[in-house]
């Protein structure tokens, strides 16, 4: 997210509604949604957190499991991010991991520390 990003402002309320209001993913184990200000100086500025997690466009949806980024399921395609049906499937899939990893987390966890 960036405060100047109009696409982020369109996607964020949809994710908030699905997760916090409708409880999507709760049956599968639950998820938490957090927005990160990508160009925040506290996170290393433009090259900080984005480079660490290979984020090259915003908005990007990235799940973490066992504190490891699930790089293989990262989503940055705007059409998918604006699709309610796609997001419901993505949230349910990520929630179902329940600490099992499996989407690129273990390898990146080694290098991301």
N, C-alpha and C. Protein backbone atom coordinates (compact mmCIF):
# COMPACT_ATOMS: atom_id res chain seq x y z
N UNK A 1 0.84 -1.17 0.00
CA UNK A 1 0.00 0.00 0.00
C UNK A 1 0.88 1.23 0.00
N UNK A 2 0.37 2.25 -0.61
CA UNK A 2 0.97 3.58 -0.55
C UNK A 2 -0.19 4.57 -0.53
N UNK A 3 -0.04 5.62 0.25
CA UNK A 3 -1.18 6.53 0.38
C UNK A 3 -1.53 7.24 -0.92
N UNK A 4 -0.66 7.21 -1.92
CA UNK A 4 -0.94 7.82 -3.21
C UNK A 4 -1.51 6.81 -4.21
N UNK A 5 -1.66 5.56 -3.82
CA UNK A 5 -2.06 4.47 -4.73
C UNK A 5 -3.59 4.33 -4.77
N UNK A 6 -4.19 4.74 -5.88
CA UNK A 6 -5.65 4.65 -5.99
C UNK A 6 -6.13 3.19 -6.07
N UNK A 7 -5.36 2.31 -6.69
CA UNK A 7 -5.74 0.89 -6.75
C UNK A 7 -5.75 0.27 -5.35
N UNK A 8 -4.80 0.68 -4.52
CA UNK A 8 -4.75 0.17 -3.14
C UNK A 8 -6.01 0.58 -2.39
N UNK A 9 -6.45 1.80 -2.64
CA UNK A 9 -7.65 2.30 -1.96
C UNK A 9 -8.90 1.59 -2.42
N UNK A 10 -8.87 0.98 -3.60
CA UNK A 10 -10.01 0.20 -4.09
C UNK A 10 -9.98 -1.23 -3.54
N UNK A 11 -8.81 -1.81 -3.41
CA UNK A 11 -8.66 -3.20 -2.99
C UNK A 11 -8.79 -3.35 -1.47
N UNK A 12 -8.24 -2.45 -0.71
CA UNK A 12 -8.22 -2.54 0.74
C UNK A 12 -9.61 -2.71 1.38
N UNK A 13 -10.60 -1.90 1.00
CA UNK A 13 -11.92 -2.08 1.62
C UNK A 13 -12.56 -3.44 1.30
N UNK A 14 -12.30 -3.97 0.11
CA UNK A 14 -12.83 -5.28 -0.25
C UNK A 14 -12.22 -6.37 0.62
N UNK A 15 -10.91 -6.33 0.81
CA UNK A 15 -10.24 -7.31 1.67
C UNK A 15 -10.73 -7.19 3.11
N UNK A 16 -10.85 -5.98 3.58
CA UNK A 16 -11.32 -5.75 4.95
C UNK A 16 -12.72 -6.31 5.13
N UNK A 17 -13.58 -6.07 4.17
CA UNK A 17 -14.94 -6.58 4.24
C UNK A 17 -14.97 -8.11 4.26
N UNK A 18 -14.22 -8.72 3.35
CA UNK A 18 -14.21 -10.18 3.26
C UNK A 18 -13.69 -10.83 4.54
N UNK A 19 -12.60 -10.31 5.07
CA UNK A 19 -11.94 -10.94 6.22
C UNK A 19 -12.60 -10.55 7.54
N UNK A 20 -12.76 -9.25 7.76
CA UNK A 20 -13.22 -8.79 9.06
C UNK A 20 -14.74 -8.81 9.22
N UNK A 21 -15.46 -8.49 8.16
CA UNK A 21 -16.91 -8.41 8.27
C UNK A 21 -17.58 -9.75 7.96
N UNK A 22 -17.17 -10.37 6.84
CA UNK A 22 -17.81 -11.62 6.43
C UNK A 22 -17.16 -12.87 7.01
N UNK A 23 -15.97 -12.73 7.57
CA UNK A 23 -15.30 -13.87 8.19
C UNK A 23 -14.78 -14.91 7.21
N UNK A 24 -14.50 -14.49 5.98
CA UNK A 24 -13.96 -15.43 4.99
C UNK A 24 -12.63 -15.97 5.52
N UNK A 25 -12.45 -17.27 5.45
CA UNK A 25 -11.23 -17.92 5.91
C UNK A 25 -11.30 -18.43 7.33
N UNK A 26 -12.30 -18.02 8.09
CA UNK A 26 -12.41 -18.46 9.49
C UNK A 26 -12.59 -19.97 9.61
N UNK A 27 -13.41 -20.56 8.74
CA UNK A 27 -13.64 -22.01 8.79
C UNK A 27 -12.35 -22.78 8.50
N UNK A 28 -11.47 -22.19 7.69
CA UNK A 28 -10.24 -22.87 7.30
C UNK A 28 -9.11 -22.65 8.30
N UNK A 29 -9.29 -21.78 9.26
CA UNK A 29 -8.24 -21.56 10.25
C UNK A 29 -8.00 -20.10 10.58
N UNK A 30 -8.54 -19.20 9.77
CA UNK A 30 -8.44 -17.77 10.07
C UNK A 30 -7.25 -17.09 9.43
N UNK A 31 -7.42 -15.82 9.15
CA UNK A 31 -6.37 -14.97 8.61
C UNK A 31 -6.47 -13.60 9.26
N UNK A 32 -5.40 -12.85 9.17
CA UNK A 32 -5.37 -11.47 9.62
C UNK A 32 -4.90 -10.63 8.46
N UNK A 33 -5.49 -9.46 8.30
CA UNK A 33 -5.14 -8.55 7.21
C UNK A 33 -4.38 -7.36 7.78
N UNK A 34 -3.24 -7.06 7.20
CA UNK A 34 -2.45 -5.89 7.61
C UNK A 34 -1.99 -5.15 6.37
N UNK A 35 -2.15 -3.85 6.39
CA UNK A 35 -1.65 -3.02 5.30
C UNK A 35 -0.27 -2.51 5.69
N UNK A 36 0.63 -2.47 4.72
CA UNK A 36 1.99 -1.99 4.95
C UNK A 36 2.24 -0.82 4.01
N UNK A 37 2.68 0.27 4.57
CA UNK A 37 3.01 1.46 3.78
C UNK A 37 4.38 1.22 3.13
N UNK A 38 4.37 0.88 1.86
CA UNK A 38 5.58 0.44 1.15
C UNK A 38 6.70 1.46 1.12
N UNK A 39 6.39 2.74 1.05
CA UNK A 39 7.46 3.73 0.94
C UNK A 39 7.77 4.42 2.27
N UNK A 40 7.37 3.79 3.37
CA UNK A 40 7.64 4.34 4.69
C UNK A 40 9.14 4.30 4.99
N UNK A 41 9.70 5.42 5.44
CA UNK A 41 11.13 5.41 5.80
C UNK A 41 11.43 4.42 6.94
N UNK A 42 10.44 4.16 7.79
CA UNK A 42 10.64 3.21 8.89
C UNK A 42 10.85 1.78 8.41
N UNK A 43 10.43 1.50 7.17
CA UNK A 43 10.57 0.15 6.61
C UNK A 43 11.66 0.10 5.53
N UNK A 44 12.50 1.09 5.50
CA UNK A 44 13.60 1.10 4.54
C UNK A 44 13.32 1.88 3.27
N UNK A 45 12.23 2.62 3.26
CA UNK A 45 11.90 3.43 2.08
C UNK A 45 11.51 2.56 0.90
N UNK A 46 11.66 3.14 -0.28
CA UNK A 46 11.22 2.47 -1.51
C UNK A 46 11.91 1.12 -1.71
N UNK A 47 13.17 1.00 -1.37
CA UNK A 47 13.89 -0.25 -1.60
C UNK A 47 13.89 -1.22 -0.44
N UNK A 48 13.26 -0.90 0.67
CA UNK A 48 13.31 -1.74 1.87
C UNK A 48 12.49 -3.00 1.79
N UNK A 49 11.30 -2.93 2.32
CA UNK A 49 10.44 -4.12 2.43
C UNK A 49 10.04 -4.67 1.06
N UNK A 50 9.88 -3.79 0.07
CA UNK A 50 9.53 -4.25 -1.28
C UNK A 50 10.59 -5.15 -1.87
N UNK A 51 11.85 -4.77 -1.71
CA UNK A 51 12.95 -5.60 -2.22
C UNK A 51 13.07 -6.91 -1.45
N UNK A 52 12.89 -6.83 -0.15
CA UNK A 52 13.04 -8.02 0.69
C UNK A 52 12.06 -9.12 0.27
N UNK A 53 10.83 -8.72 -0.08
CA UNK A 53 9.81 -9.70 -0.43
C UNK A 53 9.49 -9.72 -1.92
N UNK A 54 10.37 -9.17 -2.72
CA UNK A 54 10.25 -9.19 -4.18
C UNK A 54 8.92 -8.62 -4.66
N UNK A 55 8.52 -7.51 -4.07
CA UNK A 55 7.30 -6.83 -4.48
C UNK A 55 7.70 -5.74 -5.46
N UNK A 56 7.23 -5.87 -6.70
CA UNK A 56 7.62 -4.89 -7.71
C UNK A 56 6.43 -4.09 -8.23
N UNK A 57 5.27 -4.29 -7.65
CA UNK A 57 4.12 -3.45 -8.00
C UNK A 57 3.17 -3.43 -6.81
N UNK A 58 2.40 -2.36 -6.74
CA UNK A 58 1.40 -2.28 -5.68
C UNK A 58 0.06 -1.95 -6.30
N UNK A 59 -0.99 -2.49 -5.74
CA UNK A 59 -1.02 -3.33 -4.55
C UNK A 59 -0.54 -4.75 -4.83
N UNK A 60 -0.02 -5.38 -3.79
CA UNK A 60 0.38 -6.78 -3.84
C UNK A 60 -0.15 -7.46 -2.59
N UNK A 61 -0.66 -8.63 -2.75
CA UNK A 61 -1.18 -9.42 -1.64
C UNK A 61 -0.18 -10.54 -1.39
N UNK A 62 0.36 -10.58 -0.18
CA UNK A 62 1.38 -11.57 0.17
C UNK A 62 1.02 -12.19 1.51
N UNK A 63 0.90 -13.50 1.53
CA UNK A 63 0.58 -14.22 2.77
C UNK A 63 1.88 -14.60 3.48
N UNK A 64 1.79 -14.70 4.79
CA UNK A 64 2.88 -15.20 5.61
C UNK A 64 2.35 -16.39 6.39
N UNK A 65 3.16 -17.43 6.48
CA UNK A 65 2.81 -18.61 7.26
C UNK A 65 4.05 -18.98 8.06
N UNK A 66 3.91 -19.13 9.35
CA UNK A 66 5.05 -19.37 10.25
C UNK A 66 6.09 -18.26 10.08
N UNK A 67 5.66 -17.04 9.90
CA UNK A 67 6.50 -15.86 9.72
C UNK A 67 7.32 -15.88 8.44
N UNK A 68 6.94 -16.72 7.50
CA UNK A 68 7.66 -16.82 6.24
C UNK A 68 6.75 -16.40 5.10
N UNK A 69 7.26 -15.58 4.17
CA UNK A 69 6.43 -15.14 3.04
C UNK A 69 6.13 -16.30 2.11
N UNK A 70 4.90 -16.37 1.67
CA UNK A 70 4.48 -17.42 0.74
C UNK A 70 4.58 -16.85 -0.68
N UNK A 71 5.81 -16.77 -1.17
CA UNK A 71 6.13 -16.10 -2.42
C UNK A 71 5.36 -16.68 -3.61
N UNK A 72 5.17 -17.98 -3.66
CA UNK A 72 4.52 -18.62 -4.81
C UNK A 72 3.06 -18.25 -4.96
N UNK A 73 2.43 -17.77 -3.88
CA UNK A 73 1.01 -17.40 -3.97
C UNK A 73 0.80 -15.89 -3.91
N UNK A 74 1.88 -15.14 -4.05
CA UNK A 74 1.80 -13.68 -4.06
C UNK A 74 0.96 -13.22 -5.25
N UNK A 75 0.10 -12.22 -5.02
CA UNK A 75 -0.81 -11.74 -6.06
C UNK A 75 -0.59 -10.24 -6.26
N UNK A 76 -0.34 -9.85 -7.52
CA UNK A 76 -0.22 -8.43 -7.82
C UNK A 76 -1.02 -8.04 -9.07
N UNK A 77 -1.67 -9.01 -9.69
CA UNK A 77 -2.48 -8.73 -10.87
C UNK A 77 -3.75 -8.00 -10.42
N UNK A 78 -3.91 -6.76 -10.86
CA UNK A 78 -5.00 -5.92 -10.37
C UNK A 78 -6.37 -6.52 -10.62
N UNK A 79 -6.56 -7.18 -11.76
CA UNK A 79 -7.85 -7.82 -12.03
C UNK A 79 -8.22 -8.85 -10.98
N UNK A 80 -7.22 -9.63 -10.54
CA UNK A 80 -7.46 -10.62 -9.49
C UNK A 80 -7.74 -9.95 -8.15
N UNK A 81 -6.98 -8.89 -7.87
CA UNK A 81 -7.14 -8.20 -6.59
C UNK A 81 -8.49 -7.50 -6.45
N UNK A 82 -9.11 -7.19 -7.57
CA UNK A 82 -10.43 -6.54 -7.53
C UNK A 82 -11.57 -7.54 -7.67
N UNK A 83 -11.24 -8.81 -7.85
CA UNK A 83 -12.25 -9.86 -8.04
C UNK A 83 -12.62 -10.48 -6.69
N UNK A 84 -13.84 -10.28 -6.29
CA UNK A 84 -14.35 -10.83 -5.03
C UNK A 84 -14.20 -12.36 -5.01
N UNK A 85 -14.56 -13.03 -6.10
CA UNK A 85 -14.49 -14.49 -6.16
C UNK A 85 -13.05 -14.98 -6.03
N UNK A 86 -12.12 -14.32 -6.73
CA UNK A 86 -10.72 -14.70 -6.65
C UNK A 86 -10.22 -14.53 -5.21
N UNK A 87 -10.52 -13.40 -4.60
CA UNK A 87 -10.04 -13.13 -3.24
C UNK A 87 -10.60 -14.11 -2.23
N UNK A 88 -11.85 -14.49 -2.37
CA UNK A 88 -12.44 -15.48 -1.45
C UNK A 88 -11.66 -16.79 -1.55
N UNK A 89 -11.39 -17.26 -2.76
CA UNK A 89 -10.63 -18.51 -2.94
C UNK A 89 -9.21 -18.37 -2.37
N UNK A 90 -8.56 -17.24 -2.64
CA UNK A 90 -7.20 -17.01 -2.17
C UNK A 90 -7.14 -17.00 -0.65
N UNK A 91 -8.05 -16.26 -0.03
CA UNK A 91 -8.08 -16.17 1.44
C UNK A 91 -8.32 -17.55 2.05
N UNK A 92 -9.27 -18.29 1.52
CA UNK A 92 -9.57 -19.62 2.06
C UNK A 92 -8.38 -20.57 1.91
N UNK A 93 -7.69 -20.50 0.78
CA UNK A 93 -6.51 -21.34 0.55
C UNK A 93 -5.40 -20.99 1.53
N UNK A 94 -5.13 -19.72 1.70
CA UNK A 94 -4.07 -19.30 2.62
C UNK A 94 -4.43 -19.62 4.06
N UNK A 95 -5.68 -19.45 4.43
CA UNK A 95 -6.11 -19.76 5.80
C UNK A 95 -5.98 -21.25 6.10
N UNK A 96 -6.18 -22.08 5.09
CA UNK A 96 -6.14 -23.53 5.27
C UNK A 96 -4.72 -24.05 5.53
N UNK A 97 -3.70 -23.24 5.28
CA UNK A 97 -2.32 -23.68 5.55
C UNK A 97 -2.12 -24.03 7.01
N UNK A 98 -2.69 -23.25 7.90
CA UNK A 98 -2.62 -23.47 9.34
C UNK A 98 -1.22 -23.85 9.81
N UNK A 99 -0.24 -23.10 9.37
CA UNK A 99 1.13 -23.34 9.82
C UNK A 99 1.88 -24.40 9.05
N UNK A 100 1.33 -24.85 7.93
CA UNK A 100 1.97 -25.92 7.16
C UNK A 100 2.91 -25.40 6.08
N UNK A 101 2.88 -24.09 5.78
CA UNK A 101 3.73 -23.55 4.72
C UNK A 101 3.35 -24.13 3.38
N UNK A 102 4.36 -24.30 2.51
CA UNK A 102 4.12 -24.97 1.25
C UNK A 102 4.01 -24.09 0.03
N UNK A 103 4.23 -22.79 0.17
CA UNK A 103 4.16 -21.92 -1.00
C UNK A 103 5.42 -21.07 -1.09
N UNK A 104 6.54 -21.70 -0.89
CA UNK A 104 7.81 -21.00 -1.03
C UNK A 104 8.33 -20.41 0.26
N UNK A 105 7.67 -20.65 1.35
CA UNK A 105 8.06 -20.03 2.61
C UNK A 105 9.37 -20.52 3.18
N UNK A 106 9.62 -21.82 3.16
CA UNK A 106 10.80 -22.32 3.86
C UNK A 106 12.10 -21.84 3.23
N UNK A 107 12.21 -21.84 1.92
CA UNK A 107 13.42 -21.37 1.27
C UNK A 107 13.63 -19.90 1.53
N UNK A 108 12.58 -19.11 1.35
CA UNK A 108 12.73 -17.66 1.54
C UNK A 108 12.92 -17.33 3.00
N UNK A 109 12.40 -18.15 3.89
CA UNK A 109 12.61 -17.91 5.31
C UNK A 109 14.09 -17.99 5.67
N UNK A 110 14.84 -18.86 5.01
CA UNK A 110 16.26 -18.96 5.28
C UNK A 110 17.01 -17.71 4.87
N UNK A 111 16.63 -17.14 3.74
CA UNK A 111 17.35 -15.99 3.23
C UNK A 111 16.79 -14.66 3.72
N UNK A 112 15.59 -14.68 4.28
CA UNK A 112 14.95 -13.45 4.70
C UNK A 112 15.23 -13.04 6.13
N UNK A 113 16.10 -13.74 6.80
CA UNK A 113 16.37 -13.42 8.22
C UNK A 113 17.53 -12.48 8.37
